[in-house]
């Protein structure tokens, strides 16, 4: 199973969107500062995730959520 996820920084309320095959491990990496992009924004809370049966679908949805139309969808429907 692969996941697309949205986490929110409790420090500055910003969002991060990603995809992974191990959601618990990835969230721990973000919160321990092991993820480069988000290391200065810890701690994080998981605000949404969706499961996909393959990696490409999870990455496709991640890319969509980062697009302008996906940004609107995310804010209206997911968070």
N, C-alpha and C. Protein backbone atom coordinates (compact mmCIF):
# COMPACT_ATOMS: atom_id res chain seq x y z
N UNK A 1 0.85 -1.18 0.00
CA UNK A 1 0.00 0.00 0.00
C UNK A 1 0.90 1.24 0.00
N UNK A 2 0.49 2.25 -0.73
CA UNK A 2 1.21 3.52 -0.79
C UNK A 2 0.26 4.64 -0.37
N UNK A 3 0.83 5.68 0.19
CA UNK A 3 0.01 6.75 0.77
C UNK A 3 0.42 8.11 0.25
N UNK A 4 -0.56 8.96 0.04
CA UNK A 4 -0.36 10.38 -0.16
C UNK A 4 -0.84 11.02 1.13
N UNK A 5 -0.07 11.98 1.64
CA UNK A 5 -0.42 12.53 2.95
C UNK A 5 -0.23 14.04 3.00
N UNK A 6 -0.93 14.65 3.93
CA UNK A 6 -0.78 16.08 4.21
C UNK A 6 -0.50 16.20 5.70
N UNK A 7 0.59 16.88 6.04
CA UNK A 7 0.90 17.16 7.43
C UNK A 7 0.92 18.68 7.61
N UNK A 8 0.71 19.11 8.83
CA UNK A 8 0.72 20.54 9.12
C UNK A 8 1.70 20.80 10.25
N UNK A 9 2.52 21.82 10.06
CA UNK A 9 3.47 22.23 11.08
C UNK A 9 2.72 22.88 12.23
N UNK A 10 3.00 22.43 13.45
CA UNK A 10 2.41 23.08 14.62
C UNK A 10 3.15 24.36 14.94
N UNK A 11 4.32 24.54 14.34
CA UNK A 11 5.15 25.72 14.57
C UNK A 11 4.64 26.93 13.78
N UNK A 12 4.42 26.75 12.48
CA UNK A 12 4.01 27.89 11.66
C UNK A 12 2.73 27.65 10.85
N UNK A 13 2.06 26.53 11.09
CA UNK A 13 0.77 26.18 10.45
C UNK A 13 0.87 25.91 8.95
N UNK A 14 2.08 25.80 8.41
CA UNK A 14 2.23 25.50 6.98
C UNK A 14 1.94 24.02 6.74
N UNK A 15 1.64 23.69 5.48
CA UNK A 15 1.33 22.32 5.09
C UNK A 15 2.47 21.73 4.29
N UNK A 16 2.61 20.42 4.38
CA UNK A 16 3.56 19.68 3.56
C UNK A 16 2.80 18.50 2.97
N UNK A 17 2.99 18.26 1.69
CA UNK A 17 2.33 17.16 0.98
C UNK A 17 3.41 16.20 0.51
N UNK A 18 3.18 14.90 0.72
CA UNK A 18 4.14 13.91 0.28
C UNK A 18 3.49 12.58 0.00
N UNK A 19 4.31 11.61 -0.39
CA UNK A 19 3.83 10.24 -0.59
C UNK A 19 4.88 9.28 -0.06
N UNK A 20 4.43 8.12 0.39
CA UNK A 20 5.33 7.15 1.01
C UNK A 20 4.68 5.77 1.04
N UNK A 21 5.49 4.76 1.30
CA UNK A 21 4.96 3.41 1.49
C UNK A 21 4.81 3.08 2.97
N UNK A 22 5.39 3.89 3.85
CA UNK A 22 5.33 3.66 5.29
C UNK A 22 4.99 4.97 5.99
N UNK A 23 3.71 5.20 6.20
CA UNK A 23 3.23 6.48 6.71
C UNK A 23 3.74 6.77 8.13
N UNK A 24 3.70 5.79 9.01
CA UNK A 24 4.16 6.01 10.39
C UNK A 24 5.64 6.37 10.43
N UNK A 25 6.44 5.65 9.66
CA UNK A 25 7.88 5.92 9.62
C UNK A 25 8.15 7.31 9.06
N UNK A 26 7.44 7.67 8.00
CA UNK A 26 7.66 8.97 7.37
C UNK A 26 7.28 10.11 8.30
N UNK A 27 6.19 9.97 9.04
CA UNK A 27 5.79 11.01 9.99
C UNK A 27 6.84 11.15 11.09
N UNK A 28 7.38 10.03 11.55
CA UNK A 28 8.46 10.08 12.56
C UNK A 28 9.68 10.80 12.00
N UNK A 29 10.00 10.56 10.72
CA UNK A 29 11.13 11.24 10.09
C UNK A 29 10.90 12.74 10.05
N UNK A 30 9.70 13.16 9.69
CA UNK A 30 9.40 14.59 9.66
C UNK A 30 9.54 15.19 11.06
N UNK A 31 8.98 14.53 12.05
CA UNK A 31 8.98 15.07 13.41
C UNK A 31 10.34 15.03 14.09
N UNK A 32 11.24 14.18 13.63
CA UNK A 32 12.58 14.13 14.21
C UNK A 32 13.57 15.00 13.45
N UNK A 33 13.11 15.70 12.41
CA UNK A 33 13.96 16.59 11.65
C UNK A 33 14.81 15.89 10.60
N UNK A 34 14.51 14.64 10.28
CA UNK A 34 15.28 13.88 9.29
C UNK A 34 14.86 14.16 7.85
N UNK A 35 13.78 14.86 7.66
CA UNK A 35 13.32 15.22 6.31
C UNK A 35 13.82 16.64 6.02
N UNK A 36 14.67 16.79 5.02
CA UNK A 36 15.36 18.06 4.77
C UNK A 36 14.43 19.26 4.65
N UNK A 37 13.42 19.18 3.80
CA UNK A 37 12.56 20.33 3.53
C UNK A 37 11.83 20.80 4.77
N UNK A 38 11.40 19.87 5.59
CA UNK A 38 10.54 20.22 6.73
C UNK A 38 11.26 20.24 8.07
N UNK A 39 12.57 20.08 8.08
CA UNK A 39 13.30 19.92 9.34
C UNK A 39 13.20 21.12 10.27
N UNK A 40 13.04 22.32 9.74
CA UNK A 40 12.97 23.51 10.60
C UNK A 40 11.54 23.89 10.98
N UNK A 41 10.57 23.03 10.67
CA UNK A 41 9.17 23.35 10.94
C UNK A 41 8.53 22.36 11.91
N UNK A 42 9.31 21.53 12.57
CA UNK A 42 8.77 20.52 13.49
C UNK A 42 8.15 21.18 14.71
N UNK A 43 7.20 20.54 15.34
CA UNK A 43 6.59 19.24 15.06
C UNK A 43 5.44 19.36 14.06
N UNK A 44 5.01 18.19 13.57
CA UNK A 44 3.92 18.10 12.60
C UNK A 44 2.79 17.24 13.12
N UNK A 45 1.59 17.51 12.60
CA UNK A 45 0.47 16.61 12.85
C UNK A 45 -0.05 16.15 11.49
N UNK A 46 -0.51 14.92 11.44
CA UNK A 46 -1.10 14.37 10.22
C UNK A 46 -2.52 14.90 10.12
N UNK A 47 -2.84 15.58 9.01
CA UNK A 47 -4.20 16.12 8.86
C UNK A 47 -5.03 15.35 7.84
N UNK A 48 -4.37 14.62 6.92
CA UNK A 48 -5.11 13.82 5.94
C UNK A 48 -4.17 12.82 5.29
N UNK A 49 -4.71 11.65 4.94
CA UNK A 49 -3.96 10.71 4.11
C UNK A 49 -4.93 9.89 3.28
N UNK A 50 -4.45 9.43 2.15
CA UNK A 50 -5.23 8.56 1.27
C UNK A 50 -4.35 7.41 0.82
N UNK A 51 -4.93 6.24 0.68
CA UNK A 51 -4.18 5.04 0.29
C UNK A 51 -4.35 4.76 -1.20
N UNK A 52 -3.29 4.25 -1.81
CA UNK A 52 -3.30 3.85 -3.22
C UNK A 52 -2.70 2.45 -3.32
N UNK A 53 -3.08 1.73 -4.35
CA UNK A 53 -2.56 0.37 -4.49
C UNK A 53 -1.19 0.33 -5.16
N UNK A 54 -0.79 1.43 -5.78
CA UNK A 54 0.56 1.44 -6.35
C UNK A 54 1.22 2.80 -6.17
N UNK A 55 2.54 2.79 -6.27
CA UNK A 55 3.35 3.97 -6.02
C UNK A 55 3.05 5.10 -6.99
N UNK A 56 2.87 4.77 -8.25
CA UNK A 56 2.65 5.81 -9.26
C UNK A 56 1.36 6.59 -9.02
N UNK A 57 0.31 5.91 -8.56
CA UNK A 57 -0.95 6.60 -8.27
C UNK A 57 -0.79 7.54 -7.08
N UNK A 58 -0.07 7.11 -6.06
CA UNK A 58 0.17 7.95 -4.89
C UNK A 58 0.97 9.19 -5.28
N UNK A 59 1.99 9.01 -6.11
CA UNK A 59 2.81 10.14 -6.55
C UNK A 59 2.03 11.07 -7.48
N UNK A 60 1.17 10.49 -8.30
CA UNK A 60 0.32 11.28 -9.19
C UNK A 60 -0.60 12.20 -8.38
N UNK A 61 -1.21 11.64 -7.33
CA UNK A 61 -2.12 12.44 -6.51
C UNK A 61 -1.35 13.48 -5.71
N UNK A 62 -0.14 13.15 -5.26
CA UNK A 62 0.72 14.13 -4.59
C UNK A 62 0.99 15.31 -5.52
N UNK A 63 1.35 15.02 -6.75
CA UNK A 63 1.63 16.07 -7.74
C UNK A 63 0.39 16.93 -7.98
N UNK A 64 -0.77 16.29 -8.08
CA UNK A 64 -2.02 17.03 -8.26
C UNK A 64 -2.27 17.97 -7.08
N UNK A 65 -2.11 17.48 -5.86
CA UNK A 65 -2.38 18.31 -4.68
C UNK A 65 -1.44 19.51 -4.60
N UNK A 66 -0.27 19.40 -5.23
CA UNK A 66 0.68 20.51 -5.24
C UNK A 66 0.41 21.49 -6.38
N UNK A 67 -0.49 21.14 -7.30
CA UNK A 67 -0.83 22.03 -8.42
C UNK A 67 -1.83 23.09 -7.95
N UNK A 68 -2.09 24.09 -8.78
CA UNK A 68 -3.02 25.15 -8.38
C UNK A 68 -4.44 24.63 -8.22
N UNK A 69 -4.90 23.77 -9.10
CA UNK A 69 -6.26 23.22 -8.94
C UNK A 69 -6.30 22.26 -7.76
N UNK A 70 -5.23 21.52 -7.53
CA UNK A 70 -5.15 20.63 -6.38
C UNK A 70 -5.11 21.39 -5.08
N UNK A 71 -4.47 22.57 -5.09
CA UNK A 71 -4.42 23.43 -3.91
C UNK A 71 -5.83 23.83 -3.50
N UNK A 72 -6.65 24.22 -4.47
CA UNK A 72 -8.03 24.61 -4.19
C UNK A 72 -8.83 23.41 -3.68
N UNK A 73 -8.67 22.25 -4.31
CA UNK A 73 -9.35 21.02 -3.87
C UNK A 73 -8.94 20.67 -2.45
N UNK A 74 -7.65 20.72 -2.17
CA UNK A 74 -7.13 20.40 -0.83
C UNK A 74 -7.76 21.29 0.22
N UNK A 75 -7.77 22.58 -0.03
CA UNK A 75 -8.28 23.52 0.96
C UNK A 75 -9.79 23.43 1.14
N UNK A 76 -10.50 23.08 0.07
CA UNK A 76 -11.96 23.01 0.15
C UNK A 76 -12.44 21.67 0.70
N UNK A 77 -11.76 20.58 0.36
CA UNK A 77 -12.27 19.24 0.67
C UNK A 77 -11.49 18.45 1.72
N UNK A 78 -10.19 18.72 1.87
CA UNK A 78 -9.37 17.83 2.70
C UNK A 78 -8.93 18.41 4.04
N UNK A 79 -8.62 19.70 4.07
CA UNK A 79 -8.11 20.27 5.34
C UNK A 79 -8.96 21.42 5.82
